Amino acid sequence: MAKVFVMDHPLVQHKVTMLRDKNTSTKDFRELAEEISLLMAYEVTRDLPLEDVEVETPICKTVAKTVAGRSLGIVPILRAGLGMVNGMLKLVPNAKVGHIGLYRDPVTLKPVEYYCKLPADATDRTLIVVDPMLATGGSAIAAIGFLKARGCTNIKFCCLIAAPQGLKALQEAHPDVDIFIAALDETLNDHAYIVPGLGDAGDRLFGTK
């Protein structure tokens, strides 16, 4: 089973509290989501492979570490996942960005892919799938499944708020995917909203509530 990392950093907890507040403006919500994503990226990238390179300092030549290979790809689940991309790019500006769009079929209630655009070398990269909310887990499970169907094998998932039900479902569906969470909440309500949660992340990010 892959690892689950729930952020315990004081700054993350503080910013998540501000994110939850119903009175937080769209501008502040967007900035907070970006800031939390940057802080989370520090943990998500902790196990990136390194290689030795020779560098000349103002004093002498030395051997130091640099990130090896093609590194990262960030894959937001549209639309809310877009709110987490810029924060991560501030920490890893050379990462490439793909996009996955999903909608729920009104009859089968299963996620359906309507858009997928990935970097040409996606299979050589560590892909971080981002979506602010992990509620039932359906979208995350489907998105990761679509990536695997395209030959991607090194995948992580990162979200701001998760419900235990969605976490359990994602772990069972993709036991090889590490999961990073800013806050693990209590449960889901009858409308599949996370409790206490923060409402609809997409609406709050883009001012469509």
C-alpha atoms as a PDB file:
ATOM      1  CA  MET A   1       0.000   0.000   0.000  1.00  0.00           C
ATOM      2  CA  ALA A   2       1.282   3.457  -0.929  1.00  0.00           C
ATOM      3  CA  LYS A   3       1.651   6.120   1.736  1.00  0.00           C
ATOM      4  CA  VAL A   4      -0.878   8.719   2.829  1.00  0.00           C
ATOM      5  CA  PHE A   5       0.584  12.002   4.048  1.00  0.00           C
ATOM      6  CA  VAL A   6      -1.680  14.431   5.937  1.00  0.00           C
ATOM      7  CA  MET A   7       0.036  17.797   6.305  1.00  0.00           C
ATOM      8  CA  ASP A   8       0.675  18.858   9.885  1.00  0.00           C
ATOM      9  CA  HIS A   9       2.643  22.032   9.181  1.00  0.00           C
ATOM     10  CA  PRO A  10       1.277  24.992  11.182  1.00  0.00           C
ATOM     11  CA  LEU A  11       1.208  27.282   8.140  1.00  0.00           C
ATOM     12  CA  VAL A  12      -0.811  24.768   6.132  1.00  0.00           C
ATOM     13  CA  GLN A  13      -3.294  24.304   8.964  1.00  0.00           C
ATOM     14  CA  HIS A  14      -3.616  28.072   9.399  1.00  0.00           C
ATOM     15  CA  LYS A  15      -4.224  28.666   5.693  1.00  0.00           C
ATOM     16  CA  VAL A  16      -6.728  25.796   5.445  1.00  0.00           C
ATOM     17  CA  THR A  17      -8.735  27.404   8.258  1.00  0.00           C
ATOM     18  CA  MET A  18      -8.853  30.649   6.283  1.00  0.00           C
ATOM     19  CA  LEU A  19      -9.800  28.692   3.163  1.00  0.00           C
ATOM     20  CA  ARG A  20     -12.784  27.143   4.946  1.00  0.00           C
ATOM     21  CA  ASP A  21     -14.245  30.490   6.068  1.00  0.00           C
ATOM     22  CA  LYS A  22     -17.386  31.251   4.058  1.00  0.00           C
ATOM     23  CA  ASN A  23     -16.503  34.949   4.188  1.00  0.00           C
ATOM     24  CA  THR A  24     -13.154  34.491   2.410  1.00  0.00           C
ATOM     25  CA  SER A  25     -13.289  36.377  -0.893  1.00  0.00           C
ATOM     26  CA  THR A  26     -12.674  34.778  -4.270  1.00  0.00           C
ATOM     27  CA  LYS A  27      -9.353  36.602  -4.549  1.00  0.00           C
ATOM     28  CA  ASP A  28      -8.173  35.453  -1.118  1.00  0.00           C
ATOM     29  CA  PHE A  29      -9.470  31.912  -1.662  1.00  0.00           C
ATOM     30  CA  ARG A  30      -7.504  31.649  -4.900  1.00  0.00           C
ATOM     31  CA  GLU A  31      -4.338  32.976  -3.267  1.00  0.00           C
ATOM     32  CA  LEU A  32      -4.676  30.651  -0.281  1.00  0.00           C
ATOM     33  CA  ALA A  33      -5.175  27.601  -2.515  1.00  0.00           C
ATOM     34  CA  GLU A  34      -2.022  28.578  -4.394  1.00  0.00           C
ATOM     35  CA  GLU A  35      -0.016  29.091  -1.197  1.00  0.00           C
ATOM     36  CA  ILE A  36      -1.109  25.771   0.310  1.00  0.00           C
ATOM     37  CA  SER A  37      -0.279  23.991  -2.942  1.00  0.00           C
ATOM     38  CA  LEU A  38       3.232  25.455  -2.895  1.00  0.00           C
ATOM     39  CA  LEU A  39       3.773  24.241   0.668  1.00  0.00           C
ATOM     40  CA  MET A  40       2.397  20.802  -0.191  1.00  0.00           C
ATOM     41  CA  ALA A  41       4.663  20.539  -3.228  1.00  0.00           C
ATOM     42  CA  TYR A  42       7.624  20.552  -0.842  1.00  0.00           C
ATOM     43  CA  GLU A  43       6.450  17.219   0.606  1.00  0.00           C
ATOM     44  CA  VAL A  44       5.193  15.760  -2.655  1.00  0.00           C
ATOM     45  CA  THR A  45       8.652  16.194  -4.201  1.00  0.00           C
ATOM     46  CA  ARG A  46      10.617  14.907  -1.204  1.00  0.00           C
ATOM     47  CA  ASP A  47      11.603  11.614  -2.875  1.00  0.00           C
ATOM     48  CA  LEU A  48      12.593  12.937  -6.303  1.00  0.00           C
ATOM     49  CA  PRO A  49      15.720  11.147  -7.577  1.00  0.00           C
ATOM     50  CA  LEU A  50      18.995  13.041  -7.462  1.00  0.00           C
ATOM     51  CA  GLU A  51      22.237  12.813  -9.398  1.00  0.00           C
ATOM     52  CA  ASP A  52      25.722  14.239  -8.897  1.00  0.00           C
ATOM     53  CA  VAL A  53      26.947  17.164 -10.991  1.00  0.00           C
ATOM     54  CA  GLU A  54      30.123  19.178 -10.898  1.00  0.00           C
ATOM     55  CA  VAL A  55      29.687  22.869 -10.178  1.00  0.00           C
ATOM     56  CA  GLU A  56      32.212  25.642  -9.678  1.00  0.00           C
ATOM     57  CA  THR A  57      31.536  27.952  -6.753  1.00  0.00           C
ATOM     58  CA  PRO A  58      33.359  31.271  -6.290  1.00  0.00           C
ATOM     59  CA  ILE A  59      35.811  29.281  -4.148  1.00  0.00           C
ATOM     60  CA  CYS A  60      36.393  25.968  -5.959  1.00  0.00           C
ATOM     61  CA  LYS A  61      34.914  23.106  -7.932  1.00  0.00           C
ATOM     62  CA  THR A  62      32.709  20.655  -6.065  1.00  0.00           C
ATOM     63  CA  VAL A  63      30.254  17.814  -6.647  1.00  0.00           C
ATOM     64  CA  ALA A  64      26.657  18.627  -5.672  1.00  0.00           C
ATOM     65  CA  LYS A  65      23.165  17.223  -6.125  1.00  0.00           C
ATOM     66  CA  THR A  66      20.584  18.061  -8.780  1.00  0.00           C
ATOM     67  CA  VAL A  67      17.214  16.549  -9.664  1.00  0.00           C
ATOM     68  CA  ALA A  68      17.708  13.686 -12.099  1.00  0.00           C
ATOM     69  CA  GLY A  69      15.832  12.914 -15.277  1.00  0.00           C
ATOM     70  CA  ARG A  70      12.784  14.622 -16.724  1.00  0.00           C
ATOM     71  CA  SER A  71      11.314  15.253 -13.286  1.00  0.00           C
ATOM     72  CA  LEU A  72       7.670  16.294 -12.896  1.00  0.00           C
ATOM     73  CA  GLY A  73       4.344  16.729 -14.583  1.00  0.00           C
ATOM     74  CA  ILE A  74       1.373  18.387 -12.908  1.00  0.00           C
ATOM     75  CA  VAL A  75      -2.063  17.189 -14.016  1.00  0.00           C
ATOM     76  CA  PRO A  76      -5.061  19.159 -12.703  1.00  0.00           C
ATOM     77  CA  ILE A  77      -8.529  17.666 -12.895  1.00  0.00           C
ATOM     78  CA  LEU A  78     -10.642  20.366 -14.547  1.00  0.00           C
ATOM     79  CA  ARG A  79     -11.785  22.795 -13.466  1.00  0.00           C
ATOM     80  CA  ALA A  80     -11.012  23.124  -9.763  1.00  0.00           C
ATOM     81  CA  GLY A  81      -7.594  21.472 -10.060  1.00  0.00           C
ATOM     82  CA  LEU A  82      -6.379  24.549 -11.945  1.00  0.00           C
ATOM     83  CA  GLY A  83      -6.334  26.400  -8.629  1.00  0.00           C
ATOM     84  CA  MET A  84      -3.447  24.253  -7.392  1.00  0.00           C
ATOM     85  CA  VAL A  85      -1.172  24.442 -10.433  1.00  0.00           C
ATOM     86  CA  ASN A  86       0.493  27.846 -10.053  1.00  0.00           C
ATOM     87  CA  GLY A  87       1.533  27.198  -6.460  1.00  0.00           C
ATOM     88  CA  MET A  88       3.348  24.034  -7.460  1.00  0.00           C
ATOM     89  CA  LEU A  89       4.910  25.682 -10.488  1.00  0.00           C
ATOM     90  CA  LYS A  90       6.430  28.344  -8.234  1.00  0.00           C
ATOM     91  CA  LEU A  91       8.406  25.595  -6.531  1.00  0.00           C
ATOM     92  CA  VAL A  92       9.112  23.480  -9.643  1.00  0.00           C
ATOM     93  CA  PRO A  93       8.877  25.926 -12.578  1.00  0.00           C
ATOM     94  CA  ASN A  94      10.260  23.414 -15.086  1.00  0.00           C
ATOM     95  CA  ALA A  95       7.403  20.967 -14.517  1.00  0.00           C
ATOM     96  CA  LYS A  96       5.131  20.374 -17.486  1.00  0.00           C
ATOM     97  CA  VAL A  97       1.354  20.628 -17.127  1.00  0.00           C
ATOM     98  CA  GLY A  98      -1.277  18.278 -18.521  1.00  0.00           C
ATOM     99  CA  HIS A  99      -5.061  18.517 -18.131  1.00  0.00           C
ATOM    100  CA  ILE A 100      -7.848  16.008 -17.584  1.00  0.00           C
ATOM    101  CA  GLY A 101     -11.525  16.930 -17.927  1.00  0.00           C
ATOM    102  CA  LEU A 102     -14.248  14.694 -16.502  1.00  0.00           C
ATOM    103  CA  TYR A 103     -18.025  14.811 -16.192  1.00  0.00           C
ATOM    104  CA  ARG A 104     -20.453  12.458 -14.484  1.00  0.00           C
ATOM    105  CA  ASP A 105     -22.788  10.543 -16.803  1.00  0.00           C
ATOM    106  CA  PRO A 106     -26.349  11.335 -15.627  1.00  0.00           C
ATOM    107  CA  VAL A 107     -27.503   7.772 -16.258  1.00  0.00           C
ATOM    108  CA  THR A 108     -24.599   5.583 -15.122  1.00  0.00           C
ATOM    109  CA  LEU A 109     -23.256   8.207 -12.649  1.00  0.00           C
ATOM    110  CA  LYS A 110     -19.750   7.147 -13.697  1.00  0.00           C
ATOM    111  CA  PRO A 111     -17.003   9.660 -14.599  1.00  0.00           C
ATOM    112  CA  VAL A 112     -16.519  10.162 -18.334  1.00  0.00           C
ATOM    113  CA  GLU A 113     -13.401  11.708 -19.849  1.00  0.00           C
ATOM    114  CA  TYR A 114     -14.115  14.620 -22.179  1.00  0.00           C
ATOM    115  CA  TYR A 115     -10.582  16.047 -22.424  1.00  0.00           C
ATOM    116  CA  CYS A 116      -7.054  14.807 -21.850  1.00  0.00           C
ATOM    117  CA  LYS A 117      -3.878  16.561 -22.963  1.00  0.00           C
ATOM    118  CA  LEU A 118      -0.589  15.342 -21.509  1.00  0.00           C
ATOM    119  CA  PRO A 119       3.077  16.185 -22.090  1.00  0.00           C
ATOM    120  CA  ALA A 120       4.557  14.039 -24.862  1.00  0.00           C
ATOM    121  CA  ASP A 121       6.984  12.509 -22.357  1.00  0.00           C
ATOM    122  CA  ALA A 122       4.392  11.988 -19.610  1.00  0.00           C
ATOM    123  CA  THR A 123       5.311   8.319 -19.204  1.00  0.00           C
ATOM    124  CA  ASP A 124       8.855   9.342 -18.228  1.00  0.00           C
ATOM    125  CA  ARG A 125       7.726  11.789 -15.548  1.00  0.00           C
ATOM    126  CA  THR A 126       6.418  11.661 -12.013  1.00  0.00           C
ATOM    127  CA  LEU A 127       2.857  12.927 -12.465  1.00  0.00           C
ATOM    128  CA  ILE A 128       1.100  14.790  -9.672  1.00  0.00           C
ATOM    129  CA  VAL A 129      -2.665  14.701 -10.130  1.00  0.00           C
ATOM    130  CA  VAL A 130      -4.216  17.677  -8.321  1.00  0.00           C
ATOM    131  CA  ASP A 131      -7.813  18.365  -7.296  1.00  0.00           C
ATOM    132  CA  PRO A 132      -8.789  20.453  -4.264  1.00  0.00           C
ATOM    133  CA  MET A 133     -11.455  18.036  -3.004  1.00  0.00           C
ATOM    134  CA  LEU A 134     -11.385  14.256  -2.535  1.00  0.00           C
ATOM    135  CA  ALA A 135     -15.018  13.531  -1.685  1.00  0.00           C
ATOM    136  CA  THR A 136     -16.328  10.200  -3.007  1.00  0.00           C
ATOM    137  CA  GLY A 137     -13.049   9.639  -4.856  1.00  0.00           C
ATOM    138  CA  GLY A 138     -14.752   9.014  -8.189  1.00  0.00           C
ATOM    139  CA  SER A 139     -13.013  11.735 -10.187  1.00  0.00           C
ATOM    140  CA  ALA A 140      -9.560  11.019  -8.764  1.00  0.00           C
ATOM    141  CA  ILE A 141      -9.929   7.275  -9.337  1.00  0.00           C
ATOM    142  CA  ALA A 142     -11.052   7.826 -12.928  1.00  0.00           C
ATOM    143  CA  ALA A 143      -8.369  10.407 -13.730  1.00  0.00           C
ATOM    144  CA  ILE A 144      -5.581   8.186 -12.430  1.00  0.00           C
ATOM    145  CA  GLY A 145      -7.077   5.271 -14.339  1.00  0.00           C
ATOM    146  CA  PHE A 146      -6.994   7.291 -17.558  1.00  0.00           C
ATOM    147  CA  LEU A 147      -3.327   8.121 -16.964  1.00  0.00           C
ATOM    148  CA  LYS A 148      -2.459   4.483 -16.352  1.00  0.00           C
ATOM    149  CA  ALA A 149      -4.295   3.512 -19.538  1.00  0.00           C
ATOM    150  CA  ARG A 150      -1.908   5.830 -21.384  1.00  0.00           C
ATOM    151  CA  GLY A 151       1.147   4.098 -19.934  1.00  0.00           C
ATOM    152  CA  CYS A 152       1.874   6.412 -16.991  1.00  0.00           C
ATOM    153  CA  THR A 153       3.085   4.498 -13.951  1.00  0.00           C
ATOM    154  CA  ASN A 154       4.656   6.994 -11.543  1.00  0.00           C
ATOM    155  CA  ILE A 155       1.640   8.885 -10.199  1.00  0.00           C
ATOM    156  CA  LYS A 156       0.856  10.824  -7.018  1.00  0.00           C
ATOM    157  CA  PHE A 157      -2.362  12.492  -5.919  1.00  0.00           C
ATOM    158  CA  CYS A 158      -2.575  15.790  -4.054  1.00  0.00           C
ATOM    159  CA  CYS A 159      -5.671  17.505  -2.623  1.00  0.00           C
ATOM    160  CA  LEU A 160      -6.544  20.213  -0.131  1.00  0.00           C
ATOM    161  CA  ILE A 161      -9.470  18.542   1.681  1.00  0.00           C
ATOM    162  CA  ALA A 162     -10.378  14.839   1.812  1.00  0.00           C
ATOM    163  CA  ALA A 163     -13.203  12.785   3.258  1.00  0.00           C
ATOM    164  CA  PRO A 164     -12.423   9.361   4.767  1.00  0.00           C
ATOM    165  CA  GLN A 165     -14.754   7.705   2.241  1.00  0.00           C
ATOM    166  CA  GLY A 166     -12.912   9.147  -0.737  1.00  0.00           C
ATOM    167  CA  LEU A 167      -9.519   8.353   0.740  1.00  0.00           C
ATOM    168  CA  LYS A 168     -10.496   4.730   1.319  1.00  0.00           C
ATOM    169  CA  ALA A 169     -11.930   4.381  -2.190  1.00  0.00           C
ATOM    170  CA  LEU A 170      -8.822   5.874  -3.817  1.00  0.00           C
ATOM    171  CA  GLN A 171      -6.491   3.652  -1.796  1.00  0.00           C
ATOM    172  CA  GLU A 172      -8.442   0.551  -2.779  1.00  0.00           C
ATOM    173  CA  ALA A 173      -8.611   1.488  -6.466  1.00  0.00           C
ATOM    174  CA  HIS A 174      -4.978   2.612  -6.790  1.00  0.00           C
ATOM    175  CA  PRO A 175      -2.911   1.137  -3.942  1.00  0.00           C
ATOM    176  CA  ASP A 176       0.318   2.164  -5.708  1.00  0.00           C
ATOM    177  CA  VAL A 177      -0.446   5.923  -5.667  1.00  0.00           C
ATOM    178  CA  ASP A 178       0.875   8.094  -2.826  1.00  0.00           C
ATOM    179  CA  ILE A 179      -1.763  10.518  -1.504  1.00  0.00           C
ATOM    180  CA  PHE A 180      -1.039  13.960  -0.048  1.00  0.00           C
ATOM    181  CA  ILE A 181      -3.762  15.811   1.873  1.00  0.00           C
ATOM    182  CA  ALA A 182      -3.773  19.232   3.517  1.00  0.00           C
ATOM    183  CA  ALA A 183      -6.697  18.300   5.819  1.00  0.00           C
ATOM    184  CA  LEU A 184      -8.596  15.045   6.399  1.00  0.00           C
ATOM    185  CA  ASP A 185     -12.184  15.869   7.355  1.00  0.00           C
ATOM    186  CA  GLU A 186     -14.962  14.002   9.170  1.00  0.00           C
ATOM    187  CA  THR A 187     -17.337  12.601   6.563  1.00  0.00           C
ATOM    188  CA  LEU A 188     -19.596  13.250   3.546  1.00  0.00           C
ATOM    189  CA  ASN A 189     -23.143  14.567   3.821  1.00  0.00           C
ATOM    190  CA  ASP A 190     -26.161  13.281   1.855  1.00  0.00           C
ATOM    191  CA  HIS A 191     -25.196  15.471  -1.108  1.00  0.00           C
ATOM    192  CA  ALA A 192     -21.614  14.103  -1.202  1.00  0.00           C
ATOM    193  CA  TYR A 193     -20.160  17.352   0.159  1.00  0.00           C
ATOM    194  CA  ILE A 194     -17.228  17.058   2.551  1.00  0.00           C
ATOM    195  CA  VAL A 195     -18.071  17.976   6.166  1.00  0.00           C
ATOM    196  CA  PRO A 196     -16.944  20.438   7.458  1.00  0.00           C
ATOM    197  CA  GLY A 197     -15.224  21.038   4.111  1.00  0.00           C
ATOM    198  CA  LEU A 198     -15.205  24.400   2.387  1.00  0.00           C
ATOM    199  CA  GLY A 199     -18.098  24.216  -0.067  1.00  0.00           C
ATOM    200  CA  ASP A 200     -17.621  23.947  -3.821  1.00  0.00           C
ATOM    201  CA  ALA A 201     -13.931  24.601  -4.492  1.00  0.00           C
ATOM    202  CA  GLY A 202     -14.449  25.358  -8.185  1.00  0.00           C
ATOM    203  CA  ASP A 203     -17.149  27.941  -7.519  1.00  0.00           C
ATOM    204  CA  ARG A 204     -15.094  29.598  -4.799  1.00  0.00           C
ATOM    205  CA  LEU A 205     -11.950  29.670  -6.957  1.00  0.00           C
ATOM    206  CA  PHE A 206     -13.632  31.203  -9.975  1.00  0.00           C
ATOM    207  CA  GLY A 207     -16.376  33.292  -8.376  1.00  0.00           C
ATOM    208  CA  THR A 208     -19.265  31.284  -9.772  1.00  0.00           C
ATOM    209  CA  LYS A 209     -20.970  30.470  -6.471  1.00  0.00           C
END
